[in-house]
Amino acid sequence: MALNRAHKPTPERQRRSRLAQLGSSASLLRGTLSLRKVKCGKEGCRCAAGKPHLSLYLSQSQGGKPRQLYIPKELETRVRQAVEHYQELQRLLEELSQAEWRQLQELKAKGQQE
């Protein structure tokens, strides 16, 4: 016997609502952001004096192979937000899966007691 949405606990309903919201309207981007210190090699540049440039890269594995993409400063906020949305979506899915697992265990236990 499955529970209908009205009978689901409030935290689960909130997770499902946020999941639907993220899935339908948010930009989603799987990957890891890393900040790198880079020397450009130009004479007289501050990086030649030991103050390297900071560059942001997005890394991910695609088909088992690593790939990375330089993220220009003007896209940093957009990319950071998309990565955060993806991570939140993953977290919500895992929480909902765990809740379903617990419900199945409870239903199974009740069925064995009857």
Protein backbone atom coordinates (compact mmCIF):
# COMPACT_ATOMS: atom_id res chain seq x y z
CA MET A 1 0.00 0.00 0.00
CA ALA A 2 1.63 3.24 -1.12
CA LEU A 3 1.10 6.53 0.64
CA ASN A 4 -0.44 9.31 -1.38
CA ARG A 5 1.19 12.74 -1.37
CA ALA A 6 -1.21 14.20 1.18
CA HIS A 7 -0.12 11.54 3.69
CA LYS A 8 3.60 12.04 3.16
CA PRO A 9 5.48 13.73 6.02
CA THR A 10 5.98 17.49 5.62
CA PRO A 11 9.79 17.32 5.15
CA GLU A 12 9.33 14.82 2.33
CA ARG A 13 6.69 17.00 0.64
CA GLN A 14 9.06 19.97 0.93
CA ARG A 15 11.91 17.96 -0.62
CA ARG A 16 9.70 16.85 -3.49
CA SER A 17 8.53 20.41 -4.07
CA ARG A 18 12.11 21.73 -4.14
CA LEU A 19 13.15 18.86 -6.40
CA ALA A 20 10.41 19.76 -8.89
CA GLN A 21 11.36 23.41 -8.69
CA LEU A 22 15.03 22.72 -9.37
CA GLY A 23 14.32 20.22 -12.12
CA SER A 24 12.00 22.52 -14.01
CA SER A 25 13.60 25.93 -13.75
CA ALA A 26 17.18 25.85 -12.51
CA SER A 27 20.36 25.55 -14.52
CA LEU A 28 22.08 22.30 -13.57
CA LEU A 29 25.72 21.51 -14.07
CA ARG A 30 27.56 18.42 -12.85
CA GLY A 31 31.16 19.00 -11.95
CA THR A 32 33.69 20.29 -9.49
CA LEU A 33 35.03 23.82 -9.44
CA SER A 34 38.69 24.35 -8.68
CA LEU A 35 40.75 27.49 -8.37
CA ARG A 36 44.22 27.30 -9.89
CA LYS A 37 47.26 29.48 -9.63
CA VAL A 38 48.61 30.09 -13.13
CA LYS A 39 51.67 31.85 -14.53
CA CYS A 40 51.04 33.46 -17.91
CA GLY A 41 54.70 33.74 -18.88
CA LYS A 42 54.60 37.41 -19.91
CA GLU A 43 57.66 39.41 -18.94
CA GLY A 44 57.00 42.02 -16.28
CA CYS A 45 53.69 40.41 -15.23
CA ARG A 46 52.97 40.12 -11.53
CA CYS A 47 52.88 36.32 -11.88
CA ALA A 48 56.56 36.36 -12.85
CA ALA A 49 57.22 38.03 -9.50
CA GLY A 50 55.54 35.21 -7.60
CA LYS A 51 51.93 36.45 -7.59
CA PRO A 52 50.18 33.98 -9.93
CA HIS A 53 46.84 34.62 -11.61
CA LEU A 54 43.85 32.80 -10.17
CA SER A 55 41.83 30.85 -12.74
CA LEU A 56 38.60 28.93 -12.18
CA TYR A 57 38.09 25.56 -13.88
CA LEU A 58 35.13 23.22 -14.05
CA SER A 59 36.11 19.54 -14.01
CA GLN A 60 34.01 16.46 -14.68
CA SER A 61 34.29 12.94 -15.94
CA GLN A 62 32.55 12.17 -19.23
CA GLY A 63 32.48 8.59 -20.44
CA GLY A 64 35.15 7.69 -17.90
CA LYS A 65 37.52 10.39 -19.16
CA PRO A 66 38.31 13.57 -17.25
CA ARG A 67 37.67 16.90 -18.90
CA GLN A 68 37.95 20.47 -17.76
CA LEU A 69 36.80 23.86 -18.87
CA TYR A 70 38.19 27.28 -18.02
CA ILE A 71 35.47 29.52 -16.55
CA PRO A 72 35.93 33.24 -17.28
CA LYS A 73 35.24 35.67 -14.44
CA GLU A 74 32.02 36.92 -16.08
CA LEU A 75 30.52 33.39 -16.01
CA GLU A 76 31.68 32.44 -12.51
CA THR A 77 28.44 33.29 -10.67
CA ARG A 78 26.29 31.48 -13.24
CA VAL A 79 28.47 28.36 -13.19
CA ARG A 80 28.77 28.28 -9.40
CA GLN A 81 25.00 28.51 -9.07
CA ALA A 82 24.39 25.74 -11.64
CA VAL A 83 26.87 23.44 -9.85
CA GLU A 84 25.22 24.20 -6.48
CA HIS A 85 21.76 23.47 -7.94
CA TYR A 86 23.00 20.13 -9.30
CA GLN A 87 24.49 19.20 -5.92
CA GLU A 88 21.28 20.18 -4.13
CA LEU A 89 19.26 18.09 -6.59
CA GLN A 90 21.53 15.08 -5.93
CA ARG A 91 21.21 15.56 -2.15
CA LEU A 92 17.41 15.80 -2.35
CA LEU A 93 17.19 12.66 -4.50
CA GLU A 94 19.32 10.76 -2.00
CA GLU A 95 17.19 11.94 0.94
CA LEU A 96 13.98 10.91 -0.86
CA SER A 97 15.48 7.54 -1.73
CA GLN A 98 16.43 6.97 1.91
CA ALA A 99 12.89 7.90 3.04
CA GLU A 100 11.41 5.45 0.54
CA TRP A 101 13.80 2.73 1.75
CA ARG A 102 12.64 3.29 5.35
CA GLN A 103 8.98 3.18 4.26
CA LEU A 104 9.55 -0.12 2.46
CA GLN A 105 11.23 -1.56 5.54
CA GLU A 106 8.29 -0.47 7.69
CA LEU A 107 5.74 -1.92 5.25
CA LYS A 108 7.66 -5.18 5.08
CA ALA A 109 7.87 -5.37 8.89
CA LYS A 110 4.11 -4.74 9.21
CA GLY A 111 3.39 -7.39 6.59
CA GLN A 112 5.46 -9.97 8.46
CA GLN A 113 3.70 -9.17 11.74
CA GLU A 114 0.21 -9.79 10.35
